Amino acid sequence: MTKRALTLFGFLAAFGLGIWLTQFFYQSKQKEITESQSTILLDKVKDVLKLVTVEANFNELYNETQTRPVTLYLPLPSTFSFSKKAILEVQGKVLVGYDLEKVKITADSVNRVLTLSNLPEPEILSIDHQVQYRNLEESFFNSFSAEDYTDLNRNAKDMLKEKVEESDLMDKARAQGNQMLDVIRFMGESLGWTVKLEVDLIESTPPLAE
């Protein structure tokens, strides 16, 4: 009985020690991950001054095929091509507008003249996208790696950027920017100020009637 009791006690002690060590390492790992995420969030905080004039939503299918040549000796050297293919559904929201940090404002209080200079062109302010992998086909000598998934995600975002540049979103954003300038000009003239634009966003924009 004493030997069995000691054996049972030793087994229970080892089992309890194993549970304690598992919880200890799990909690330590969990704490480390949480601290790392907090640091990343702090790195993303900065002051911005941007004006969004156009918002667009995209839903696109993105296909990418990569081919890798492999030379096998059977016994003569022969080259074979092994491909891998990915089909992605890309959903994204694109914001187009102006970086107002580039604008320079000069006020002449004596002559009551407000001058706006260094007016920027519309640009893509942000691209928020999500990727769903619809189909993945790979070969034995050409399989997907973690780096490949990162490249696919980046290429999908670049595809959305190209879609925006090929569309009329920039023209729409420019038109909205001109309307904003007309409002600023009207408000300034209503208060007895003259608003001057060093370079208008669209040269053909007619001035407001006096």
C-alpha atoms as a PDB file:
ATOM      1  CA  MET A   1       0.000   0.000   0.000  1.00  0.00           C
ATOM      2  CA  THR A   2       2.805   2.418   0.818  1.00  0.00           C
ATOM      3  CA  LYS A   3       4.505   1.852  -2.533  1.00  0.00           C
ATOM      4  CA  ARG A   4       1.247   2.343  -4.417  1.00  0.00           C
ATOM      5  CA  ALA A   5       0.491   5.468  -2.430  1.00  0.00           C
ATOM      6  CA  LEU A   6       3.898   6.925  -3.192  1.00  0.00           C
ATOM      7  CA  THR A   7       3.511   6.062  -6.886  1.00  0.00           C
ATOM      8  CA  LEU A   8       0.063   7.670  -7.017  1.00  0.00           C
ATOM      9  CA  PHE A   9       1.335  10.725  -5.144  1.00  0.00           C
ATOM     10  CA  GLY A  10       4.275  11.072  -7.542  1.00  0.00           C
ATOM     11  CA  PHE A  11       1.981  10.770 -10.550  1.00  0.00           C
ATOM     12  CA  LEU A  12      -0.395  13.415  -9.210  1.00  0.00           C
ATOM     13  CA  ALA A  13       2.507  15.741  -8.370  1.00  0.00           C
ATOM     14  CA  ALA A  14       3.980  15.392 -11.879  1.00  0.00           C
ATOM     15  CA  PHE A  15       0.547  15.940 -13.432  1.00  0.00           C
ATOM     16  CA  GLY A  16      -0.052  19.058 -11.339  1.00  0.00           C
ATOM     17  CA  LEU A  17       3.414  20.393 -12.141  1.00  0.00           C
ATOM     18  CA  GLY A  18       2.740  19.880 -15.855  1.00  0.00           C
ATOM     19  CA  ILE A  19      -0.509  21.828 -15.665  1.00  0.00           C
ATOM     20  CA  TRP A  20       1.184  24.667 -13.759  1.00  0.00           C
ATOM     21  CA  LEU A  21       4.047  24.909 -16.263  1.00  0.00           C
ATOM     22  CA  THR A  22       1.594  24.914 -19.195  1.00  0.00           C
ATOM     23  CA  GLN A  23      -0.431  27.744 -17.688  1.00  0.00           C
ATOM     24  CA  PHE A  24       2.729  29.673 -16.819  1.00  0.00           C
ATOM     25  CA  PHE A  25       4.157  29.541 -20.340  1.00  0.00           C
ATOM     26  CA  TYR A  26       0.747  30.232 -21.937  1.00  0.00           C
ATOM     27  CA  GLN A  27       0.201  33.323 -19.797  1.00  0.00           C
ATOM     28  CA  SER A  28       3.724  34.572 -20.490  1.00  0.00           C
ATOM     29  CA  LYS A  29       3.255  34.135 -24.236  1.00  0.00           C
ATOM     30  CA  GLN A  30      -0.159  35.799 -24.172  1.00  0.00           C
ATOM     31  CA  LYS A  31       1.247  38.788 -22.285  1.00  0.00           C
ATOM     32  CA  GLU A  32       4.091  39.149 -24.782  1.00  0.00           C
ATOM     33  CA  ILE A  33       1.671  39.197 -27.761  1.00  0.00           C
ATOM     34  CA  THR A  34      -0.532  41.840 -26.136  1.00  0.00           C
ATOM     35  CA  GLU A  35       2.409  44.147 -25.453  1.00  0.00           C
ATOM     36  CA  SER A  36       3.617  43.789 -29.060  1.00  0.00           C
ATOM     37  CA  GLN A  37       0.214  44.768 -30.442  1.00  0.00           C
ATOM     38  CA  SER A  38       0.059  47.837 -28.212  1.00  0.00           C
ATOM     39  CA  THR A  39       3.408  49.024 -29.555  1.00  0.00           C
ATOM     40  CA  ILE A  40       2.237  48.665 -33.169  1.00  0.00           C
ATOM     41  CA  LEU A  41      -0.890  50.725 -32.502  1.00  0.00           C
ATOM     42  CA  LEU A  42       1.149  53.533 -30.965  1.00  0.00           C
ATOM     43  CA  ASP A  43       3.379  53.681 -34.039  1.00  0.00           C
ATOM     44  CA  LYS A  44       0.340  54.388 -36.249  1.00  0.00           C
ATOM     45  CA  VAL A  45      -0.849  57.504 -34.376  1.00  0.00           C
ATOM     46  CA  LYS A  46      -0.019  60.821 -36.075  1.00  0.00           C
ATOM     47  CA  ASP A  47      -1.678  64.130 -36.860  1.00  0.00           C
ATOM     48  CA  VAL A  48      -3.152  64.491 -40.352  1.00  0.00           C
ATOM     49  CA  LEU A  49      -5.098  67.171 -42.160  1.00  0.00           C
ATOM     50  CA  LYS A  50      -6.813  65.597 -45.153  1.00  0.00           C
ATOM     51  CA  LEU A  51     -10.044  66.317 -46.991  1.00  0.00           C
ATOM     52  CA  VAL A  52     -11.976  63.371 -48.447  1.00  0.00           C
ATOM     53  CA  THR A  53     -14.102  64.389 -51.433  1.00  0.00           C
ATOM     54  CA  VAL A  54     -14.858  60.997 -53.061  1.00  0.00           C
ATOM     55  CA  GLU A  55     -15.398  57.534 -51.590  1.00  0.00           C
ATOM     56  CA  ALA A  56     -15.626  54.441 -53.801  1.00  0.00           C
ATOM     57  CA  ASN A  57     -16.228  50.758 -53.096  1.00  0.00           C
ATOM     58  CA  PHE A  58     -14.745  48.026 -55.275  1.00  0.00           C
ATOM     59  CA  ASN A  59     -15.408  44.311 -55.562  1.00  0.00           C
ATOM     60  CA  GLU A  60     -12.974  42.655 -57.956  1.00  0.00           C
ATOM     61  CA  LEU A  61     -11.621  39.216 -58.788  1.00  0.00           C
ATOM     62  CA  TYR A  62      -7.838  39.029 -58.966  1.00  0.00           C
ATOM     63  CA  ASN A  63      -6.039  36.152 -60.717  1.00  0.00           C
ATOM     64  CA  GLU A  64      -2.338  35.475 -60.514  1.00  0.00           C
ATOM     65  CA  THR A  65      -0.351  32.593 -61.979  1.00  0.00           C
ATOM     66  CA  GLN A  66       3.332  31.927 -61.313  1.00  0.00           C
ATOM     67  CA  THR A  67       5.367  29.416 -63.296  1.00  0.00           C
ATOM     68  CA  ARG A  68       8.623  27.884 -62.087  1.00  0.00           C
ATOM     69  CA  PRO A  69      10.918  25.915 -64.405  1.00  0.00           C
ATOM     70  CA  VAL A  70      12.590  22.880 -62.848  1.00  0.00           C
ATOM     71  CA  THR A  71      15.325  20.825 -64.502  1.00  0.00           C
ATOM     72  CA  LEU A  72      15.265  17.091 -63.796  1.00  0.00           C
ATOM     73  CA  TYR A  73      17.834  14.542 -64.846  1.00  0.00           C
ATOM     74  CA  LEU A  74      16.037  11.385 -66.051  1.00  0.00           C
ATOM     75  CA  PRO A  75      18.913  10.576 -66.861  1.00  0.00           C
ATOM     76  CA  LEU A  76      19.166  13.313 -69.495  1.00  0.00           C
ATOM     77  CA  PRO A  77      18.418  16.872 -68.302  1.00  0.00           C
ATOM     78  CA  SER A  78      14.818  17.861 -68.992  1.00  0.00           C
ATOM     79  CA  THR A  79      13.099  21.104 -67.981  1.00  0.00           C
ATOM     80  CA  PHE A  80       9.521  21.048 -66.742  1.00  0.00           C
ATOM     81  CA  SER A  81       7.248  23.941 -65.788  1.00  0.00           C
ATOM     82  CA  PHE A  82       5.358  23.826 -62.490  1.00  0.00           C
ATOM     83  CA  SER A  83       2.743  26.495 -61.911  1.00  0.00           C
ATOM     84  CA  LYS A  84       0.689  27.774 -59.023  1.00  0.00           C
ATOM     85  CA  LYS A  85      -2.469  29.837 -59.397  1.00  0.00           C
ATOM     86  CA  ALA A  86      -4.488  31.956 -57.003  1.00  0.00           C
ATOM     87  CA  ILE A  87      -7.951  33.463 -57.460  1.00  0.00           C
ATOM     88  CA  LEU A  88      -8.801  36.192 -54.969  1.00  0.00           C
ATOM     89  CA  GLU A  89     -11.934  38.203 -54.326  1.00  0.00           C
ATOM     90  CA  VAL A  90     -10.887  41.705 -53.343  1.00  0.00           C
ATOM     91  CA  GLN A  91     -13.273  44.054 -51.569  1.00  0.00           C
ATOM     92  CA  GLY A  92     -11.987  47.542 -50.963  1.00  0.00           C
ATOM     93  CA  LYS A  93     -12.959  51.057 -49.998  1.00  0.00           C
ATOM     94  CA  VAL A  94     -10.914  53.863 -51.552  1.00  0.00           C
ATOM     95  CA  LEU A  95     -10.866  57.448 -50.295  1.00  0.00           C
ATOM     96  CA  VAL A  96      -9.785  60.172 -52.720  1.00  0.00           C
ATOM     97  CA  GLY A  97      -9.218  63.774 -51.751  1.00  0.00           C
ATOM     98  CA  TYR A  98      -6.616  66.346 -50.782  1.00  0.00           C
ATOM     99  CA  ASP A  99      -3.707  66.609 -48.396  1.00  0.00           C
ATOM    100  CA  LEU A 100      -4.414  70.023 -46.882  1.00  0.00           C
ATOM    101  CA  GLU A 101      -1.064  70.084 -45.103  1.00  0.00           C
ATOM    102  CA  LYS A 102       0.424  71.184 -48.437  1.00  0.00           C
ATOM    103  CA  VAL A 103      -1.797  74.286 -48.715  1.00  0.00           C
ATOM    104  CA  LYS A 104      -0.261  77.643 -47.768  1.00  0.00           C
ATOM    105  CA  ILE A 105      -2.579  80.406 -46.526  1.00  0.00           C
ATOM    106  CA  THR A 106      -1.471  84.042 -46.358  1.00  0.00           C
ATOM    107  CA  ALA A 107      -3.714  86.718 -44.849  1.00  0.00           C
ATOM    108  CA  ASP A 108      -3.192  90.450 -45.510  1.00  0.00           C
ATOM    109  CA  SER A 109      -5.337  92.043 -42.839  1.00  0.00           C
ATOM    110  CA  VAL A 110      -4.571  95.595 -44.028  1.00  0.00           C
ATOM    111  CA  ASN A 111      -5.835  95.091 -47.589  1.00  0.00           C
ATOM    112  CA  ARG A 112      -8.175  92.280 -46.506  1.00  0.00           C
ATOM    113  CA  VAL A 113      -6.717  89.809 -48.992  1.00  0.00           C
ATOM    114  CA  LEU A 114      -6.577  86.061 -48.374  1.00  0.00           C
ATOM    115  CA  THR A 115      -4.185  84.153 -50.640  1.00  0.00           C
ATOM    116  CA  LEU A 116      -4.254  80.378 -51.061  1.00  0.00           C
ATOM    117  CA  SER A 117      -1.164  78.887 -52.688  1.00  0.00           C
ATOM    118  CA  ASN A 118       0.463  75.508 -53.304  1.00  0.00           C
ATOM    119  CA  LEU A 119      -2.921  73.924 -53.946  1.00  0.00           C
ATOM    120  CA  PRO A 120      -2.454  70.157 -54.334  1.00  0.00           C
ATOM    121  CA  GLU A 121      -3.860  67.784 -56.897  1.00  0.00           C
ATOM    122  CA  PRO A 122      -6.312  65.103 -55.745  1.00  0.00           C
ATOM    123  CA  GLU A 123      -4.723  61.857 -54.619  1.00  0.00           C
ATOM    124  CA  ILE A 124      -5.581  58.496 -53.112  1.00  0.00           C
ATOM    125  CA  LEU A 125      -5.697  59.070 -49.367  1.00  0.00           C
ATOM    126  CA  SER A 126      -6.300  55.492 -48.256  1.00  0.00           C
ATOM    127  CA  ILE A 127      -7.144  52.016 -49.527  1.00  0.00           C
ATOM    128  CA  ASP A 128      -8.877  49.693 -47.078  1.00  0.00           C
ATOM    129  CA  HIS A 129      -9.202  46.235 -48.576  1.00  0.00           C
ATOM    130  CA  GLN A 130     -10.055  42.676 -47.602  1.00  0.00           C
ATOM    131  CA  VAL A 131      -8.978  39.548 -49.464  1.00  0.00           C
ATOM    132  CA  GLN A 132     -10.781  36.208 -49.693  1.00  0.00           C
ATOM    133  CA  TYR A 133      -8.932  33.320 -51.324  1.00  0.00           C
ATOM    134  CA  ARG A 134     -11.438  31.665 -53.674  1.00  0.00           C
ATOM    135  CA  ASN A 135      -9.104  29.078 -55.176  1.00  0.00           C
ATOM    136  CA  LEU A 136      -5.490  28.020 -54.722  1.00  0.00           C
ATOM    137  CA  GLU A 137      -3.765  25.551 -57.034  1.00  0.00           C
ATOM    138  CA  GLU A 138      -0.142  24.584 -56.481  1.00  0.00           C
ATOM    139  CA  SER A 139       2.393  22.050 -57.716  1.00  0.00           C
ATOM    140  CA  PHE A 140       4.743  19.776 -55.841  1.00  0.00           C
ATOM    141  CA  PHE A 141       7.780  21.828 -56.900  1.00  0.00           C
ATOM    142  CA  ASN A 142       5.981  25.186 -56.724  1.00  0.00           C
ATOM    143  CA  SER A 143       3.847  25.608 -53.606  1.00  0.00           C
ATOM    144  CA  PHE A 144       2.627  28.709 -51.784  1.00  0.00           C
ATOM    145  CA  SER A 145       4.726  30.118 -48.955  1.00  0.00           C
ATOM    146  CA  ALA A 146       3.990  32.736 -46.302  1.00  0.00           C
ATOM    147  CA  GLU A 147       5.820  35.311 -48.435  1.00  0.00           C
ATOM    148  CA  ASP A 148       3.598  34.452 -51.405  1.00  0.00           C
ATOM    149  CA  TYR A 149       0.453  35.255 -49.413  1.00  0.00           C
ATOM    150  CA  THR A 150       1.960  38.606 -48.423  1.00  0.00           C
ATOM    151  CA  ASP A 151       2.788  39.363 -52.071  1.00  0.00           C
ATOM    152  CA  LEU A 152      -0.726  38.389 -53.183  1.00  0.00           C
ATOM    153  CA  ASN A 153      -2.251  40.756 -50.637  1.00  0.00           C
ATOM    154  CA  ARG A 154       0.026  43.601 -51.750  1.00  0.00           C
ATOM    155  CA  ASN A 155      -0.628  42.920 -55.442  1.00  0.00           C
ATOM    156  CA  ALA A 156      -4.380  42.960 -54.791  1.00  0.00           C
ATOM    157  CA  LYS A 157      -4.048  46.403 -53.213  1.00  0.00           C
ATOM    158  CA  ASP A 158      -1.971  47.627 -56.164  1.00  0.00           C
ATOM    159  CA  MET A 159      -4.723  46.352 -58.462  1.00  0.00           C
ATOM    160  CA  LEU A 160      -7.279  48.525 -56.655  1.00  0.00           C
ATOM    161  CA  LYS A 161      -4.961  51.511 -57.019  1.00  0.00           C
ATOM    162  CA  GLU A 162      -4.739  50.930 -60.769  1.00  0.00           C
ATOM    163  CA  LYS A 163      -8.541  50.691 -60.973  1.00  0.00           C
ATOM    164  CA  VAL A 164      -8.840  54.083 -59.303  1.00  0.00           C
ATOM    165  CA  GLU A 165      -6.279  55.687 -61.612  1.00  0.00           C
ATOM    166  CA  GLU A 166      -8.103  54.302 -64.661  1.00  0.00           C
ATOM    167  CA  SER A 167     -11.506  55.552 -63.467  1.00  0.00           C
ATOM    168  CA  ASP A 168     -12.934  59.074 -63.304  1.00  0.00           C
ATOM    169  CA  LEU A 169     -12.604  59.313 -59.519  1.00  0.00           C
ATOM    170  CA  MET A 170      -9.768  61.837 -59.766  1.00  0.00           C
ATOM    171  CA  ASP A 171     -11.880  64.097 -61.989  1.00  0.00           C
ATOM    172  CA  LYS A 172     -14.789  63.851 -59.557  1.00  0.00           C
ATOM    173  CA  ALA A 173     -12.505  64.673 -56.642  1.00  0.00           C
ATOM    174  CA  ARG A 174     -11.094  67.649 -58.533  1.00  0.00           C
ATOM    175  CA  ALA A 175     -14.604  68.933 -59.253  1.00  0.00           C
ATOM    176  CA  GLN A 176     -15.496  68.641 -55.577  1.00  0.00           C
ATOM    177  CA  GLY A 177     -12.306  70.504 -54.691  1.00  0.00           C
ATOM    178  CA  ASN A 178     -13.240  73.352 -57.007  1.00  0.00           C
ATOM    179  CA  GLN A 179     -16.654  73.603 -55.395  1.00  0.00           C
ATOM    180  CA  MET A 180     -14.952  73.865 -52.012  1.00  0.00           C
ATOM    181  CA  LEU A 181     -12.783  76.718 -53.314  1.00  0.00           C
ATOM    182  CA  ASP A 182     -15.877  78.483 -54.649  1.00  0.00           C
ATOM    183  CA  VAL A 183     -17.446  78.268 -51.201  1.00  0.00           C
ATOM    184  CA  ILE A 184     -14.301  79.684 -49.572  1.00  0.00           C
ATOM    185  CA  ARG A 185     -14.221  82.505 -52.125  1.00  0.00           C
ATOM    186  CA  PHE A 186     -17.906  83.294 -51.573  1.00  0.00           C
ATOM    187  CA  MET A 187     -17.571  83.320 -47.768  1.00  0.00           C
ATOM    188  CA  GLY A 188     -14.503  85.561 -47.936  1.00  0.00           C
ATOM    189  CA  GLU A 189     -16.163  88.056 -50.268  1.00  0.00           C
ATOM    190  CA  SER A 190     -19.261  88.066 -48.055  1.00  0.00           C
ATOM    191  CA  LEU A 191     -17.044  89.264 -45.184  1.00  0.00           C
ATOM    192  CA  GLY A 192     -15.383  91.935 -47.346  1.00  0.00           C
ATOM    193  CA  TRP A 193     -12.215  89.957 -48.113  1.00  0.00           C
ATOM    194  CA  THR A 194     -10.688  89.211 -51.498  1.00  0.00           C
ATOM    195  CA  VAL A 195      -9.735  85.585 -51.965  1.00  0.00           C
ATOM    196  CA  LYS A 196      -6.909  84.933 -54.406  1.00  0.00           C
ATOM    197  CA  LEU A 197      -5.833  81.522 -55.667  1.00  0.00           C
ATOM    198  CA  GLU A 198      -2.249  81.194 -56.812  1.00  0.00           C
ATOM    199  CA  VAL A 199      -3.029  78.097 -58.907  1.00  0.00           C
ATOM    200  CA  ASP A 200      -6.589  76.824 -59.305  1.00  0.00           C
ATOM    201  CA  LEU A 201      -7.279  73.101 -59.194  1.00  0.00           C
ATOM    202  CA  ILE A 202      -8.856  73.270 -62.653  1.00  0.00           C
ATOM    203  CA  GLU A 203      -7.777  76.165 -64.844  1.00  0.00           C
ATOM    204  CA  SER A 204     -11.067  76.188 -66.701  1.00  0.00           C
ATOM    205  CA  THR A 205     -13.086  76.795 -63.515  1.00  0.00           C
ATOM    206  CA  PRO A 206     -14.861  80.131 -64.050  1.00  0.00           C
ATOM    207  CA  PRO A 207     -14.642  82.711 -61.242  1.00  0.00           C
ATOM    208  CA  LEU A 208     -17.700  83.670 -59.269  1.00  0.00           C
ATOM    209  CA  ALA A 209     -19.682  86.592 -60.622  1.00  0.00           C
ATOM    210  CA  GLU A 210     -19.082  89.798 -58.753  1.00  0.00           C
END
